[in-house]
């Protein structure tokens, strides 16, 4: 392989590496907000309706 194609491959891999943590952060924040929303909804019903 030439140095130019090696450089293109390195750039492609570095872009793919940077995209993965962003996707994980977005999915993690959505999951965490869903859990927090569920917990607050369950707490708002009071002790009688703990299981929805």
PDB file of N, CA and C in Angstrom:
ATOM      1  N   UNK A   1       0.835  -1.200   0.000  1.00  0.00           N
ATOM      2  CA  UNK A   1       0.000   0.000   0.000  1.00  0.00           C
ATOM      3  C   UNK A   1       0.871   1.251   0.000  1.00  0.00           C
ATOM      4  N   UNK A   2       0.359   2.286  -0.549  1.00  0.00           N
ATOM      5  CA  UNK A   2       1.105   3.536  -0.561  1.00  0.00           C
ATOM      6  C   UNK A   2       0.823   4.322   0.714  1.00  0.00           C
ATOM      7  N   UNK A   3       1.623   5.320   0.935  1.00  0.00           N
ATOM      8  CA  UNK A   3       1.461   6.146   2.135  1.00  0.00           C
ATOM      9  C   UNK A   3       0.136   6.904   2.099  1.00  0.00           C
ATOM     10  N   UNK A   4      -0.317   7.268   0.903  1.00  0.00           N
ATOM     11  CA  UNK A   4      -1.576   8.010   0.778  1.00  0.00           C
ATOM     12  C   UNK A   4      -2.761   7.139   1.180  1.00  0.00           C
ATOM     13  N   UNK A   5      -2.775   5.881   0.737  1.00  0.00           N
ATOM     14  CA  UNK A   5      -3.886   5.004   1.109  1.00  0.00           C
ATOM     15  C   UNK A   5      -3.829   4.648   2.589  1.00  0.00           C
ATOM     16  N   UNK A   6      -2.613   4.532   3.146  1.00  0.00           N
ATOM     17  CA  UNK A   6      -2.489   4.298   4.590  1.00  0.00           C
ATOM     18  C   UNK A   6      -3.051   5.473   5.376  1.00  0.00           C
ATOM     19  N   UNK A   7      -2.782   6.673   4.890  1.00  0.00           N
ATOM     20  CA  UNK A   7      -3.287   7.865   5.566  1.00  0.00           C
ATOM     21  C   UNK A   7      -4.811   7.930   5.498  1.00  0.00           C
ATOM     22  N   UNK A   8      -5.379   7.589   4.337  1.00  0.00           N
ATOM     23  CA  UNK A   8      -6.838   7.592   4.201  1.00  0.00           C
ATOM     24  C   UNK A   8      -7.478   6.587   5.156  1.00  0.00           C
ATOM     25  N   UNK A   9      -6.863   5.409   5.275  1.00  0.00           N
ATOM     26  CA  UNK A   9      -7.380   4.390   6.188  1.00  0.00           C
ATOM     27  C   UNK A   9      -7.286   4.869   7.635  1.00  0.00           C
ATOM     28  N   UNK A  10      -6.208   5.522   7.989  1.00  0.00           N
ATOM     29  CA  UNK A  10      -6.044   6.027   9.357  1.00  0.00           C
ATOM     30  C   UNK A  10      -7.083   7.103   9.669  1.00  0.00           C
ATOM     31  N   UNK A  11      -7.353   7.968   8.719  1.00  0.00           N
ATOM     32  CA  UNK A  11      -8.362   9.016   8.917  1.00  0.00           C
ATOM     33  C   UNK A  11      -9.741   8.389   9.074  1.00  0.00           C
ATOM     34  N   UNK A  12     -10.051   7.368   8.255  1.00  0.00           N
ATOM     35  CA  UNK A  12     -11.338   6.695   8.347  1.00  0.00           C
ATOM     36  C   UNK A  12     -11.507   6.016   9.706  1.00  0.00           C
ATOM     37  N   UNK A  13     -10.461   5.357  10.174  1.00  0.00           N
ATOM     38  CA  UNK A  13     -10.540   4.684  11.468  1.00  0.00           C
ATOM     39  C   UNK A  13     -10.665   5.677  12.617  1.00  0.00           C
ATOM     40  N   UNK A  14      -9.978   6.804  12.528  1.00  0.00           N
ATOM     41  CA  UNK A  14     -10.060   7.783  13.610  1.00  0.00           C
ATOM     42  C   UNK A  14     -11.450   8.419  13.665  1.00  0.00           C
ATOM     43  N   UNK A  15     -12.077   8.632  12.501  1.00  0.00           N
ATOM     44  CA  UNK A  15     -13.443   9.168  12.497  1.00  0.00           C
ATOM     45  C   UNK A  15     -14.417   8.158  13.074  1.00  0.00           C
ATOM     46  N   UNK A  16     -14.263   6.887  12.736  1.00  0.00           N
ATOM     47  CA  UNK A  16     -15.142   5.848  13.276  1.00  0.00           C
ATOM     48  C   UNK A  16     -14.952   5.738  14.784  1.00  0.00           C
ATOM     49  N   UNK A  17     -13.719   5.886  15.252  1.00  0.00           N
ATOM     50  CA  UNK A  17     -13.442   5.793  16.686  1.00  0.00           C
ATOM     51  C   UNK A  17     -14.088   6.946  17.443  1.00  0.00           C
ATOM     52  N   UNK A  18     -14.122   8.133  16.844  1.00  0.00           N
ATOM     53  CA  UNK A  18     -14.725   9.287  17.520  1.00  0.00           C
ATOM     54  C   UNK A  18     -16.240   9.216  17.546  1.00  0.00           C
ATOM     55  N   UNK A  19     -16.858   8.565  16.567  1.00  0.00           N
ATOM     56  CA  UNK A  19     -18.318   8.511  16.506  1.00  0.00           C
ATOM     57  C   UNK A  19     -18.902   7.559  17.548  1.00  0.00           C
ATOM     58  N   UNK A  20     -18.185   6.506  17.915  1.00  0.00           N
ATOM     59  CA  UNK A  20     -18.730   5.504  18.824  1.00  0.00           C
ATOM     60  C   UNK A  20     -19.031   6.086  20.206  1.00  0.00           C
ATOM     61  N   UNK A  21     -18.125   6.817  20.864  1.00  0.00           N
ATOM     62  CA  UNK A  21     -18.456   7.348  22.184  1.00  0.00           C
ATOM     63  C   UNK A  21     -19.626   8.324  22.165  1.00  0.00           C
ATOM     64  N   UNK A  22     -19.782   9.088  21.090  1.00  0.00           N
ATOM     65  CA  UNK A  22     -20.900  10.024  21.000  1.00  0.00           C
ATOM     66  C   UNK A  22     -22.214   9.252  20.966  1.00  0.00           C
ATOM     67  N   UNK A  23     -22.262   8.173  20.194  1.00  0.00           N
ATOM     68  CA  UNK A  23     -23.476   7.354  20.133  1.00  0.00           C
ATOM     69  C   UNK A  23     -23.762   6.710  21.480  1.00  0.00           C
ATOM     70  N   UNK A  24     -22.723   6.254  22.158  1.00  0.00           N
ATOM     71  CA  UNK A  24     -22.905   5.645  23.476  1.00  0.00           C
ATOM     72  C   UNK A  24     -23.413   6.681  24.472  1.00  0.00           C
ATOM     73  N   UNK A  25     -22.889   7.894  24.407  1.00  0.00           N
ATOM     74  CA  UNK A  25     -23.356   8.957  25.304  1.00  0.00           C
ATOM     75  C   UNK A  25     -24.820   9.291  25.052  1.00  0.00           C
ATOM     76  N   UNK A  26     -25.217   9.361  23.800  1.00  0.00           N
ATOM     77  CA  UNK A  26     -26.608   9.677  23.476  1.00  0.00           C
ATOM     78  C   UNK A  26     -27.539   8.571  23.953  1.00  0.00           C
ATOM     79  N   UNK A  27     -27.182   7.315  23.665  1.00  0.00           N
ATOM     80  CA  UNK A  27     -28.024   6.195  24.098  1.00  0.00           C
ATOM     81  C   UNK A  27     -28.070   6.091  25.618  1.00  0.00           C
ATOM     82  N   UNK A  28     -26.937   6.319  26.260  1.00  0.00           N
ATOM     83  CA  UNK A  28     -26.899   6.268  27.720  1.00  0.00           C
ATOM     84  C   UNK A  28     -27.738   7.352  28.362  1.00  0.00           C
ATOM     85  N   UNK A  29     -27.702   8.549  27.797  1.00  0.00           N
ATOM     86  CA  UNK A  29     -28.505   9.629  28.366  1.00  0.00           C
ATOM     87  C   UNK A  29     -29.993   9.392  28.145  1.00  0.00           C
ATOM     88  N   UNK A  30     -30.361   8.815  26.991  1.00  0.00           N
ATOM     89  CA  UNK A  30     -31.763   8.476  26.765  1.00  0.00           C
ATOM     90  C   UNK A  30     -32.240   7.409  27.747  1.00  0.00           C
ATOM     91  N   UNK A  31     -31.410   6.407  27.981  1.00  0.00           N
ATOM     92  CA  UNK A  31     -31.761   5.347  28.922  1.00  0.00           C
ATOM     93  C   UNK A  31     -31.881   5.895  30.332  1.00  0.00           C
ATOM     94  N   UNK A  32     -30.937   6.742  30.710  1.00  0.00           N
ATOM     95  CA  UNK A  32     -30.967   7.315  32.057  1.00  0.00           C
ATOM     96  C   UNK A  32     -32.173   8.222  32.253  1.00  0.00           C
ATOM     97  N   UNK A  33     -32.532   9.008  31.237  1.00  0.00           N
ATOM     98  CA  UNK A  33     -33.706   9.870  31.366  1.00  0.00           C
ATOM     99  C   UNK A  33     -34.988   9.045  31.413  1.00  0.00           C
ATOM    100  N   UNK A  34     -35.016   7.931  30.715  1.00  0.00           N
ATOM    101  CA  UNK A  34     -36.180   7.049  30.786  1.00  0.00           C
ATOM    102  C   UNK A  34     -36.342   6.436  32.162  1.00  0.00           C
ATOM    103  N   UNK A  35     -35.245   6.005  32.760  1.00  0.00           N
ATOM    104  CA  UNK A  35     -35.297   5.445  34.111  1.00  0.00           C
ATOM    105  C   UNK A  35     -35.716   6.513  35.115  1.00  0.00           C
ATOM    106  N   UNK A  36     -35.166   7.718  34.974  1.00  0.00           N
ATOM    107  CA  UNK A  36     -35.525   8.805  35.889  1.00  0.00           C
ATOM    108  C   UNK A  36     -36.995   9.185  35.732  1.00  0.00           C
ATOM    109  N   UNK A  37     -37.497   9.189  34.507  1.00  0.00           N
ATOM    110  CA  UNK A  37     -38.896   9.514  34.272  1.00  0.00           C
ATOM    111  C   UNK A  37     -39.808   8.454  34.886  1.00  0.00           C
ATOM    112  N   UNK A  38     -39.442   7.196  34.727  1.00  0.00           N
ATOM    113  CA  UNK A  38     -40.236   6.115  35.313  1.00  0.00           C
ATOM    114  C   UNK A  38     -40.240   6.199  36.830  1.00  0.00           C
ATOM    115  N   UNK A  39     -39.080   6.461  37.405  1.00  0.00           N
ATOM    116  CA  UNK A  39     -38.990   6.555  38.859  1.00  0.00           C
ATOM    117  C   UNK A  39     -39.816   7.726  39.384  1.00  0.00           C
ATOM    118  N   UNK A  40     -39.769   8.857  38.710  1.00  0.00           N
ATOM    119  CA  UNK A  40     -40.536  10.009  39.191  1.00  0.00           C
ATOM    120  C   UNK A  40     -42.036   9.776  39.021  1.00  0.00           C
ATOM    121  N   UNK A  41     -42.440   9.069  37.965  1.00  0.00           N
ATOM    122  CA  UNK A  41     -43.857   8.761  37.772  1.00  0.00           C
ATOM    123  C   UNK A  41     -44.341   7.812  38.865  1.00  0.00           C
ATOM    124  N   UNK A  42     -43.520   6.820  39.205  1.00  0.00           N
ATOM    125  CA  UNK A  42     -43.913   5.881  40.256  1.00  0.00           C
ATOM    126  C   UNK A  42     -43.981   6.574  41.611  1.00  0.00           C
ATOM    127  N   UNK A  43     -43.059   7.483  41.878  1.00  0.00           N
ATOM    128  CA  UNK A  43     -43.073   8.204  43.153  1.00  0.00           C
ATOM    129  C   UNK A  43     -44.244   9.184  43.235  1.00  0.00           C
ATOM    130  N   UNK A  44     -44.671   9.715  42.097  1.00  0.00           N
ATOM    131  CA  UNK A  44     -45.760  10.686  42.121  1.00  0.00           C
ATOM    132  C   UNK A  44     -47.097  10.031  42.443  1.00  0.00           C
ATOM    133  N   UNK A  45     -47.233   8.728  42.172  1.00  0.00           N
ATOM    134  CA  UNK A  45     -48.468   8.024  42.522  1.00  0.00           C
ATOM    135  C   UNK A  45     -48.593   7.794  44.014  1.00  0.00           C
ATOM    136  N   UNK A  46     -47.508   7.803  44.726  1.00  0.00           N
ATOM    137  CA  UNK A  46     -47.548   7.597  46.156  1.00  0.00           C
ATOM    138  C   UNK A  46     -47.363   6.129  46.517  1.00  0.00           C
ATOM    139  N   UNK A  47     -47.417   5.825  47.809  1.00  0.00           N
ATOM    140  CA  UNK A  47     -47.111   4.470  48.253  1.00  0.00           C
ATOM    141  C   UNK A  47     -48.181   3.429  47.905  1.00  0.00           C
ATOM    142  N   UNK A  48     -49.372   3.847  47.498  1.00  0.00           N
ATOM    143  CA  UNK A  48     -50.431   2.884  47.209  1.00  0.00           C
ATOM    144  C   UNK A  48     -50.181   2.204  45.868  1.00  0.00           C
ATOM    145  N   UNK A  49     -49.721   2.959  44.866  1.00  0.00           N
ATOM    146  CA  UNK A  49     -49.561   2.434  43.513  1.00  0.00           C
ATOM    147  C   UNK A  49     -48.070   2.273  43.175  1.00  0.00           C
ATOM    148  N   UNK A  50     -47.333   1.523  43.953  1.00  0.00           N
ATOM    149  CA  UNK A  50     -45.905   1.379  43.666  1.00  0.00           C
ATOM    150  C   UNK A  50     -45.658   0.574  42.403  1.00  0.00           C
ATOM    151  N   UNK A  51     -46.514  -0.399  42.099  1.00  0.00           N
ATOM    152  CA  UNK A  51     -46.349  -1.192  40.894  1.00  0.00           C
ATOM    153  C   UNK A  51     -47.356  -0.711  39.852  1.00  0.00           C
ATOM    154  N   UNK A  52     -46.878  -0.164  38.743  1.00  0.00           N
ATOM    155  CA  UNK A  52     -47.829   0.381  37.758  1.00  0.00           C
ATOM    156  C   UNK A  52     -48.580  -0.710  37.014  1.00  0.00           C
TER     157      UNK A  52
END
